[in-house]
Amino acid sequence: MVFEGSSVAISHTGKIRSNNQDSGYSGANLFAVADGMGGHAGGDVASSIAIQRLQPLDQGYSSVEDAQASLQAAATTAAGDLIRAAKERPELAGLGTTVSAIIMVDEYAVIGHIGDSRIYLYRDDALTQITADHTFVQRLVDSGRITPEEARYHPRRSVLMRVLSDMDADPELDMFVMHTQPGDRWLLCSDGLSGVVDETRILKAMQLGVAPGRTADYLLKQALDGGAPDNVTIVLVDVGGQHPIHSGTPTIVGSASNPDGVYVPPVRPPRGNWLHPVRQAANEPSHFEPAPEYLEELIEEDRRRAKRRRAGWIAAALLVVAMLVVAAFAAYSWTQTRYFIGADDDSVVIFQGVQQNIGPITLSTPIEDTDILLANLPEYQRASVERTINARSLSDAMAIVDRLRAGADANVIEQTPLPTPLPTPAPSQTPAGGEG
């Protein structure tokens, strides 16, 4: 179910932060998200300035080239505004913002992006991340040093490599153009959503097939249920082919929605005592744009961490192997305290160990051939020996052998036939009349 030309923008402070440093915009042809950085006031100002400079771009364009040029020019102007704001208000030094924006021009989407806010495209029941994060961990992922899943929980995941800030008067945006088609749904969001709700759950929300407003509410609930440690801003737009140019009041959310501008509070020293320490976590910046030398330190630290991780895995593997060896040795030693009587070819043999084998490994050894022939044993004893007879100890095994030997001797005697008696010779006879 597709709602042609419909869009929505929502923004929420989240569950941890005390103010909203995000801004979002949903108009006729322009859709944008900006995630501010720079502390309690700086982030508010930065994202508001970005949206204010982008807002005039919500108009019709004769070509995608004109839209791209306007988008880059607006970003450069916004960077100049940020530089001036930091000079006029020193407490704002270090302010900056991400920007992810789409300008719809006929059947094309003109995209500009810097930072780690994201743009997704839901098309043909598949969700695709269109933008690439300009972060330290994304560089590690691109170089194959960590996996995308590891990047989600990396301690440096908030370190930005590129951002719209008061440090660069000529920001470098990723700029590209994509063809749209009926049924497309575009999602622009700050990392308050993408950092908490993974792509699998975002896809499930898109597959519900409901209007953008309900989908955005569902995604926001997912972020809040996940703890929402950062501000959450979502812009959703459905496309029905060639995007129409229409008038109407745009939707502006977050810090840019304040009609009187953003209030910058004066710097105050923190107050508190040992019973009530100052809580700063809610207002600490969620992003950080480092200096080049700091990045080198991070890269070196990551190398050390990777080495420690490898060493840890190797040590754990060696420990597991050692435990298996010890367990195997202990099990083998126990088997060598067992004895049994069995058959070896045609005679009775005492074995040390157990009857089982582990693959090619034999767990028993013949220790004494008794020379008792199986053929001499009674039938029931021969069958018992062939099945093997367990013994509690070597002396117990010797006692069993003695009984088998006695049984064999008795069986041999019983089967030996008695000797046939010799015939008695007839007595000799003398003829009557005596000697002749």
Protein backbone atom coordinates (compact mmCIF):
# COMPACT_ATOMS: atom_id res chain seq x y z
CA MET A 1 0.00 0.00 0.00
CA VAL A 2 1.60 3.26 -1.14
CA PHE A 3 0.50 6.78 -0.29
CA GLU A 4 1.60 8.91 -3.24
CA GLY A 5 3.37 12.14 -2.43
CA SER A 6 2.83 11.81 1.33
CA SER A 7 5.57 12.52 3.85
CA VAL A 8 6.13 13.10 7.56
CA ALA A 9 8.82 14.50 9.88
CA ILE A 10 9.01 13.79 13.63
CA SER A 11 11.67 14.43 16.26
CA HIS A 12 11.98 13.33 19.89
CA THR A 13 14.45 14.31 22.62
CA GLY A 14 14.89 10.69 23.66
CA LYS A 15 15.08 9.26 27.16
CA ILE A 16 18.47 10.59 28.28
CA ARG A 17 19.12 14.05 26.84
CA SER A 18 17.52 17.19 28.22
CA ASN A 19 17.34 19.04 24.90
CA ASN A 20 16.88 18.24 21.23
CA GLN A 21 19.90 18.99 19.06
CA ASP A 22 18.33 17.41 15.97
CA SER A 23 16.35 19.20 13.26
CA GLY A 24 14.22 17.80 10.47
CA TYR A 25 12.42 19.16 7.42
CA SER A 26 9.70 17.73 5.20
CA GLY A 27 8.40 19.94 2.40
CA ALA A 28 7.18 19.66 -1.17
CA ASN A 29 10.47 18.70 -2.80
CA LEU A 30 13.04 19.00 0.00
CA PHE A 31 13.53 16.51 2.84
CA ALA A 32 16.38 16.80 5.32
CA VAL A 33 17.74 15.68 8.69
CA ALA A 34 20.47 17.47 10.67
CA ASP A 35 22.02 16.11 13.88
CA GLY A 36 23.82 18.84 15.82
CA MET A 37 26.97 18.50 17.87
CA GLY A 38 28.79 20.85 20.21
CA GLY A 39 27.20 20.55 23.63
CA HIS A 40 24.00 21.84 25.15
CA ALA A 41 23.69 24.94 22.95
CA GLY A 42 26.06 24.36 20.04
CA GLY A 43 24.23 21.37 18.61
CA ASP A 44 20.89 23.20 18.68
CA VAL A 45 22.33 26.18 16.84
CA ALA A 46 24.23 24.13 14.27
CA SER A 47 21.32 21.91 13.16
CA SER A 48 18.95 24.92 13.10
CA ILE A 49 21.31 26.93 10.90
CA ALA A 50 21.66 23.98 8.51
CA ILE A 51 17.90 23.55 8.09
CA GLN A 52 17.35 27.32 7.76
CA ARG A 53 19.89 27.45 4.92
CA LEU A 54 18.40 24.39 3.22
CA GLN A 55 14.77 25.52 3.45
CA PRO A 56 14.90 27.91 0.43
CA LEU A 57 15.87 24.91 -1.72
CA ASP A 58 12.31 23.57 -1.44
CA GLN A 59 11.32 24.60 -4.96
CA GLY A 60 11.21 23.32 -8.51
CA TYR A 61 14.41 22.83 -10.54
CA SER A 62 14.91 22.59 -14.27
CA SER A 63 17.66 19.98 -13.92
CA VAL A 64 19.35 17.79 -11.36
CA GLU A 65 22.57 19.73 -11.94
CA ASP A 66 20.89 22.93 -10.72
CA ALA A 67 19.63 21.12 -7.62
CA GLN A 68 23.09 19.74 -6.87
CA ALA A 69 24.71 23.14 -7.22
CA SER A 70 22.09 24.72 -4.94
CA LEU A 71 22.57 22.00 -2.33
CA GLN A 72 26.34 22.44 -2.25
CA ALA A 73 26.02 26.23 -2.10
CA ALA A 74 23.58 26.01 0.81
CA ALA A 75 25.98 23.75 2.72
CA THR A 76 28.86 26.17 2.13
CA THR A 77 26.73 29.10 3.29
CA ALA A 78 25.70 27.18 6.40
CA ALA A 79 29.35 26.45 7.18
CA GLY A 80 30.09 30.17 6.96
CA ASP A 81 27.21 30.86 9.36
CA LEU A 82 28.61 28.34 11.82
CA ILE A 83 32.05 29.96 11.67
CA ARG A 84 30.56 33.40 12.35
CA ALA A 85 28.41 32.04 15.19
CA ALA A 86 31.47 30.55 16.88
CA LYS A 87 33.39 33.83 16.55
CA GLU A 88 30.53 35.91 17.94
CA ARG A 89 29.77 33.47 20.75
CA PRO A 90 32.98 31.78 21.93
CA GLU A 91 30.93 29.36 24.04
CA LEU A 92 29.70 27.83 20.76
CA ALA A 93 33.20 26.94 19.54
CA GLY A 94 33.27 23.40 18.16
CA LEU A 95 29.65 23.38 17.01
CA GLY A 96 28.72 21.34 13.96
CA THR A 97 26.02 19.21 12.41
CA THR A 98 25.42 16.31 10.11
CA VAL A 99 23.26 16.91 7.04
CA SER A 100 21.40 14.34 4.96
CA ALA A 101 19.07 15.86 2.37
CA ILE A 102 17.04 14.89 -0.70
CA ILE A 103 15.74 17.25 -3.38
CA MET A 104 13.17 15.64 -5.65
CA VAL A 105 13.51 16.75 -9.27
CA ASP A 106 10.96 15.07 -11.54
CA GLU A 107 11.71 11.32 -11.35
CA TYR A 108 15.11 11.82 -9.71
CA ALA A 109 16.32 12.15 -6.13
CA VAL A 110 19.27 14.52 -5.70
CA ILE A 111 21.08 13.51 -2.52
CA GLY A 112 23.58 15.46 -0.41
CA HIS A 113 25.15 13.94 2.68
CA ILE A 114 27.81 14.62 5.30
CA GLY A 115 28.20 13.00 8.73
CA ASP A 116 26.49 9.90 10.12
CA SER A 117 22.79 10.60 9.71
CA ARG A 118 21.45 8.15 7.14
CA ILE A 119 19.22 7.84 4.10
CA TYR A 120 17.56 4.50 3.36
CA LEU A 121 15.52 3.42 0.35
CA TYR A 122 12.73 0.87 0.69
CA ARG A 123 11.99 -0.58 -2.74
CA ASP A 124 10.61 -3.94 -3.88
CA ASP A 125 10.37 -5.19 -0.29
CA ALA A 126 14.09 -4.56 0.32
CA LEU A 127 15.79 -1.92 2.47
CA THR A 128 19.06 -0.36 1.25
CA GLN A 129 21.31 2.11 3.05
CA ILE A 130 22.03 4.77 0.44
CA THR A 131 24.53 6.95 2.32
CA ALA A 132 27.82 5.97 3.92
CA ASP A 133 28.68 7.12 7.44
CA HIS A 134 31.58 9.56 7.65
CA THR A 135 32.84 8.03 10.89
CA PHE A 136 36.02 6.55 12.22
CA VAL A 137 34.47 3.11 12.67
CA GLN A 138 33.07 3.12 9.12
CA ARG A 139 36.64 3.61 7.89
CA LEU A 140 37.62 0.57 9.94
CA VAL A 141 34.74 -1.41 8.41
CA ASP A 142 35.70 -0.31 4.88
CA SER A 143 39.28 -1.43 5.48
CA GLY A 144 38.09 -4.81 6.74
CA ARG A 145 39.50 -4.34 10.24
CA ILE A 146 36.14 -4.71 11.99
CA THR A 147 32.72 -6.03 11.02
CA PRO A 148 29.56 -3.88 10.71
CA GLU A 149 28.22 -5.59 13.83
CA GLU A 150 31.38 -4.68 15.77
CA ALA A 151 31.01 -1.09 14.53
CA ARG A 152 27.60 -0.82 16.23
CA TYR A 153 29.25 -1.23 19.64
CA HIS A 154 32.70 0.23 18.99
CA PRO A 155 33.72 2.76 21.70
CA ARG A 156 34.70 5.28 18.98
CA ARG A 157 31.51 4.98 16.92
CA SER A 158 30.64 8.65 17.56
CA VAL A 159 33.88 10.03 16.13
CA LEU A 160 33.03 11.86 12.90
CA MET A 161 35.52 12.18 10.06
CA ARG A 162 33.50 14.74 8.09
CA VAL A 163 30.84 17.14 9.32
CA LEU A 164 29.40 20.58 8.62
CA SER A 165 31.18 22.66 11.28
CA ASP A 166 32.94 25.88 12.25
CA MET A 167 36.26 24.25 11.30
CA ASP A 168 35.79 24.04 7.53
CA ALA A 169 34.51 26.84 5.30
CA ASP A 170 34.27 24.54 2.26
CA PRO A 171 32.54 21.32 3.40
CA GLU A 172 32.72 18.25 1.18
CA LEU A 173 29.32 16.62 0.74
CA ASP A 174 28.70 13.26 -0.86
CA MET A 175 26.55 14.22 -3.87
CA PHE A 176 24.77 11.79 -6.17
CA VAL A 177 21.55 11.33 -8.12
CA MET A 178 19.22 8.32 -8.08
CA HIS A 179 16.25 7.46 -10.25
CA THR A 180 12.97 7.10 -8.36
CA GLN A 181 10.04 4.88 -9.22
CA PRO A 182 6.46 4.45 -8.03
CA GLY A 183 6.33 2.71 -4.65
CA ASP A 184 9.65 4.05 -3.36
CA ARG A 185 9.78 5.01 0.29
CA TRP A 186 12.72 7.12 1.48
CA LEU A 187 13.78 7.25 5.12
CA LEU A 188 16.06 9.99 6.47
CA CYS A 189 17.06 9.64 10.12
CA SER A 190 19.58 10.70 12.73
CA ASP A 191 21.74 8.09 14.43
CA GLY A 192 19.34 8.25 17.36
CA LEU A 193 17.26 5.82 15.28
CA SER A 194 19.86 3.89 13.26
CA GLY A 195 22.13 3.45 16.29
CA VAL A 196 19.36 1.76 18.28
CA VAL A 197 17.02 0.13 15.76
CA ASP A 198 18.82 -2.23 13.37
CA GLU A 199 17.97 -2.61 9.70
CA THR A 200 16.01 -5.82 10.25
CA ARG A 201 13.50 -4.02 12.48
CA ILE A 202 13.42 -0.97 10.19
CA LEU A 203 12.56 -3.29 7.28
CA LYS A 204 9.74 -4.90 9.29
CA ALA A 205 8.30 -1.43 9.95
CA MET A 206 8.38 -0.65 6.23
CA GLN A 207 6.71 -3.94 5.40
CA LEU A 208 3.67 -3.03 7.48
CA GLY A 209 2.46 -1.02 4.48
CA VAL A 210 0.95 1.81 6.51
CA ALA A 211 1.12 5.59 5.98
CA PRO A 212 4.39 7.43 6.68
CA GLY A 213 3.03 8.96 9.89
CA ARG A 214 2.16 5.59 11.44
CA THR A 215 5.43 4.07 10.24
CA ALA A 216 7.43 6.93 11.76
CA ASP A 217 5.56 6.55 15.06
CA TYR A 218 6.30 2.82 15.07
CA LEU A 219 10.02 3.42 14.43
CA LEU A 220 10.16 6.06 17.17
CA LYS A 221 8.57 3.61 19.61
CA GLN A 222 11.22 1.05 18.68
CA ALA A 223 13.96 3.59 19.47
CA LEU A 224 12.34 4.56 22.79
CA ASP A 225 11.90 0.91 23.74
CA GLY A 226 15.61 0.49 23.03
CA GLY A 227 16.53 3.21 25.53
CA ALA A 228 16.79 6.18 23.11
CA PRO A 229 20.07 7.53 24.52
CA ASP A 230 20.18 10.24 21.82
CA ASN A 231 17.70 12.50 20.04
CA VAL A 232 15.63 10.68 17.41
CA THR A 233 14.61 12.38 14.16
CA ILE A 234 12.75 10.65 11.33
CA VAL A 235 11.67 11.93 7.92
CA LEU A 236 9.67 9.60 5.66
CA VAL A 237 8.52 10.32 2.11
CA ASP A 238 6.61 8.13 -0.34
CA VAL A 239 7.13 8.65 -4.04
CA GLY A 240 4.59 7.95 -6.74
CA GLY A 241 6.86 8.41 -9.76
CA GLN A 242 7.43 11.96 -10.99
CA HIS A 243 7.43 14.08 -7.87
CA PRO A 244 4.81 16.86 -7.95
CA ILE A 245 5.56 20.48 -7.15
CA HIS A 246 2.90 21.71 -4.79
CA SER A 247 2.45 24.44 -2.25
CA GLY A 248 1.74 23.97 1.40
CA THR A 249 3.22 24.46 4.81
CA PRO A 250 6.37 22.37 5.32
CA THR A 251 6.92 20.37 8.50
CA ILE A 252 9.93 21.51 10.56
CA VAL A 253 10.81 19.56 13.70
CA GLY A 254 13.48 19.63 16.38
CA SER A 255 15.49 22.69 17.31
CA ALA A 256 14.86 24.35 13.91
CA SER A 257 11.13 24.46 14.70
CA ASN A 258 11.64 27.23 17.29
CA PRO A 259 10.27 30.34 15.52
CA ASP A 260 12.27 32.68 17.75
CA GLY A 261 15.56 30.98 17.13
CA VAL A 262 17.63 28.92 19.50
CA TYR A 263 18.36 30.39 22.92
CA VAL A 264 22.01 30.09 23.86
CA PRO A 265 22.34 30.02 27.66
CA PRO A 266 25.36 31.69 29.28
CA VAL A 267 28.14 29.48 30.51
CA ARG A 268 27.65 28.57 34.15
CA PRO A 269 30.06 26.79 36.45
CA PRO A 270 28.74 23.41 37.52
CA ARG A 271 27.14 23.28 40.93
CA GLY A 272 26.87 20.31 43.22
CA ASN A 273 28.26 18.61 46.26
CA TRP A 274 29.32 15.17 47.25
CA LEU A 275 25.69 14.23 48.00
CA HIS A 276 24.37 15.56 44.69
CA PRO A 277 27.10 15.41 42.04
CA VAL A 278 26.59 17.27 38.79
CA ARG A 279 24.94 15.14 36.09
CA GLN A 280 26.44 15.99 32.71
CA ALA A 281 25.83 12.87 30.68
CA ALA A 282 22.55 14.14 29.25
CA ASN A 283 24.16 17.23 27.76
CA GLU A 284 27.46 15.82 26.60
CA PRO A 285 27.90 15.91 22.82
CA SER A 286 26.87 12.74 21.03
CA HIS A 287 29.43 13.32 18.28
CA PHE A 288 32.96 14.52 18.10
CA GLU A 289 34.93 15.91 15.17
CA PRO A 290 38.60 15.24 15.93
CA ALA A 291 41.75 16.99 14.86
CA PRO A 292 44.01 15.06 12.44
CA GLU A 293 46.56 14.20 15.13
CA TYR A 294 43.79 12.82 17.31
CA LEU A 295 42.74 10.52 14.48
CA GLU A 296 46.27 9.18 14.25
CA GLU A 297 46.14 8.44 17.97
CA LEU A 298 42.79 6.68 17.49
CA ILE A 299 44.15 4.59 14.65
CA GLU A 300 47.16 3.60 16.73
CA GLU A 301 44.91 2.86 19.69
CA ASP A 302 42.71 0.71 17.48
CA ARG A 303 45.77 -1.22 16.29
CA ARG A 304 46.76 -1.84 19.91
CA ARG A 305 43.24 -2.87 20.72
CA ALA A 306 43.16 -5.26 17.77
CA LYS A 307 46.45 -6.79 18.92
CA ARG A 308 45.14 -7.16 22.46
CA ARG A 309 41.96 -8.72 21.10
CA ARG A 310 43.96 -11.19 19.01
CA ALA A 311 46.21 -11.97 21.96
CA GLY A 312 43.13 -12.50 24.11
CA TRP A 313 41.60 -14.88 21.57
CA ILE A 314 44.88 -16.80 21.26
CA ALA A 315 45.25 -17.02 25.05
CA ALA A 316 41.63 -18.18 25.38
CA ALA A 317 42.14 -20.76 22.64
CA LEU A 318 45.32 -22.03 24.27
CA LEU A 319 43.55 -22.20 27.63
CA VAL A 320 40.72 -24.21 26.11
CA VAL A 321 43.20 -26.55 24.42
CA ALA A 322 45.12 -26.93 27.69
CA MET A 323 41.89 -27.70 29.57
CA LEU A 324 40.94 -30.27 26.94
CA VAL A 325 44.38 -31.87 27.16
CA VAL A 326 44.20 -32.00 30.97
CA ALA A 327 40.69 -33.44 30.81
CA ALA A 328 41.73 -35.99 28.22
CA PHE A 329 44.78 -36.98 30.26
CA ALA A 330 42.69 -37.29 33.42
CA ALA A 331 40.12 -39.42 31.60
CA TYR A 332 42.84 -41.62 30.12
CA SER A 333 44.53 -41.99 33.50
CA TRP A 334 41.23 -43.13 34.99
CA THR A 335 40.77 -45.74 32.26
CA GLN A 336 44.16 -47.20 33.16
CA THR A 337 42.91 -48.01 36.67
CA ARG A 338 40.36 -50.41 35.13
CA TYR A 339 40.92 -54.07 34.12
CA PHE A 340 38.97 -56.69 32.21
CA ILE A 341 39.38 -60.22 30.90
CA GLY A 342 38.89 -60.80 27.22
CA ALA A 343 39.92 -62.97 24.30
CA ASP A 344 43.00 -62.53 22.16
CA ASP A 345 42.99 -64.87 19.19
CA ASP A 346 42.42 -68.25 20.89
CA SER A 347 43.40 -67.58 24.51
CA VAL A 348 42.26 -65.68 27.62
CA VAL A 349 44.08 -62.35 28.23
CA ILE A 350 44.06 -59.80 31.06
CA PHE A 351 43.68 -56.22 29.71
CA GLN A 352 44.40 -52.92 31.45
CA GLY A 353 41.99 -50.09 30.51
CA VAL A 354 38.45 -50.09 29.19
CA GLN A 355 36.85 -51.83 26.25
CA GLN A 356 35.95 -48.63 24.31
CA ASN A 357 38.11 -47.00 21.63
CA ILE A 358 38.14 -43.34 20.48
CA GLY A 359 38.63 -43.50 16.74
CA PRO A 360 42.07 -44.95 16.16
CA ILE A 361 43.01 -44.55 19.84
CA THR A 362 42.83 -47.81 21.84
CA LEU A 363 42.04 -47.39 25.52
CA SER A 364 43.20 -50.85 26.59
CA THR A 365 46.48 -52.79 26.62
CA PRO A 366 47.02 -56.56 27.06
CA ILE A 367 49.19 -57.10 30.15
CA GLU A 368 49.12 -60.88 30.59
CA ASP A 369 48.34 -63.79 28.31
CA THR A 370 47.09 -66.55 30.63
CA ASP A 371 47.62 -69.38 28.12
CA ILE A 372 44.10 -70.57 28.92
CA LEU A 373 42.68 -71.74 25.61
CA LEU A 374 39.20 -70.58 24.79
CA ALA A 375 38.48 -74.04 23.41
CA ASN A 376 39.10 -75.56 26.84
CA LEU A 377 36.55 -73.36 28.63
CA PRO A 378 33.01 -74.47 29.24
CA GLU A 379 30.57 -72.93 26.80
CA TYR A 380 29.15 -70.35 29.28
CA GLN A 381 32.62 -69.21 30.39
CA ARG A 382 33.86 -68.91 26.82
CA ALA A 383 30.87 -66.70 25.95
CA SER A 384 31.54 -64.48 29.01
CA VAL A 385 35.20 -64.02 28.06
CA GLU A 386 34.29 -63.17 24.48
CA ARG A 387 31.91 -60.51 25.80
CA THR A 388 34.69 -59.43 28.27
CA ILE A 389 34.51 -59.61 32.06
CA ASN A 390 35.13 -56.42 34.07
CA ALA A 391 37.44 -56.56 37.10
CA ARG A 392 37.70 -54.03 39.93
CA SER A 393 41.51 -54.38 40.17
CA LEU A 394 44.41 -56.46 38.94
CA SER A 395 44.09 -58.84 41.89
CA ASP A 396 40.38 -59.22 41.12
CA ALA A 397 41.30 -59.99 37.50
CA MET A 398 43.81 -62.65 38.66
CA ALA A 399 41.12 -64.24 40.85
CA ILE A 400 38.75 -64.40 37.87
CA VAL A 401 41.51 -65.99 35.78
CA ASP A 402 42.06 -68.60 38.50
CA ARG A 403 38.38 -69.53 38.36
CA LEU A 404 38.52 -69.68 34.56
CA ARG A 405 41.62 -71.88 34.74
CA ALA A 406 39.86 -74.23 37.15
CA GLY A 407 36.86 -74.34 34.89
CA ALA A 408 39.06 -75.07 31.87
CA ASP A 409 40.90 -77.89 33.69
CA ALA A 410 37.66 -79.46 34.85
CA ASN A 411 36.19 -79.18 31.37
CA VAL A 412 39.27 -80.83 29.84
CA ILE A 413 39.12 -83.67 32.37
CA GLU A 414 35.41 -84.12 31.77
CA GLN A 415 35.93 -84.31 28.02
CA THR A 416 38.92 -86.71 28.20
CA PRO A 417 37.73 -90.34 27.53
CA LEU A 418 38.69 -93.13 30.02
CA PRO A 419 41.36 -95.72 28.78
CA THR A 420 39.98 -99.09 27.39
CA PRO A 421 40.99 -102.11 29.67
CA LEU A 422 43.22 -104.80 28.10
CA PRO A 423 41.56 -108.27 27.45
CA THR A 424 42.43 -111.11 29.99
CA PRO A 425 44.40 -114.00 28.31
CA ALA A 426 42.76 -117.50 28.37
CA PRO A 427 44.45 -120.11 30.69
CA SER A 428 46.59 -122.80 28.96
CA GLN A 429 45.28 -126.51 29.04
CA THR A 430 47.39 -129.75 29.56
CA PRO A 431 46.30 -132.86 27.53
CA ALA A 432 44.91 -135.77 29.55
CA GLY A 433 47.26 -138.69 30.32
CA GLY A 434 50.28 -136.64 31.17
CA GLU A 435 53.47 -136.65 29.31
CA GLY A 436 53.51 -138.94 26.41
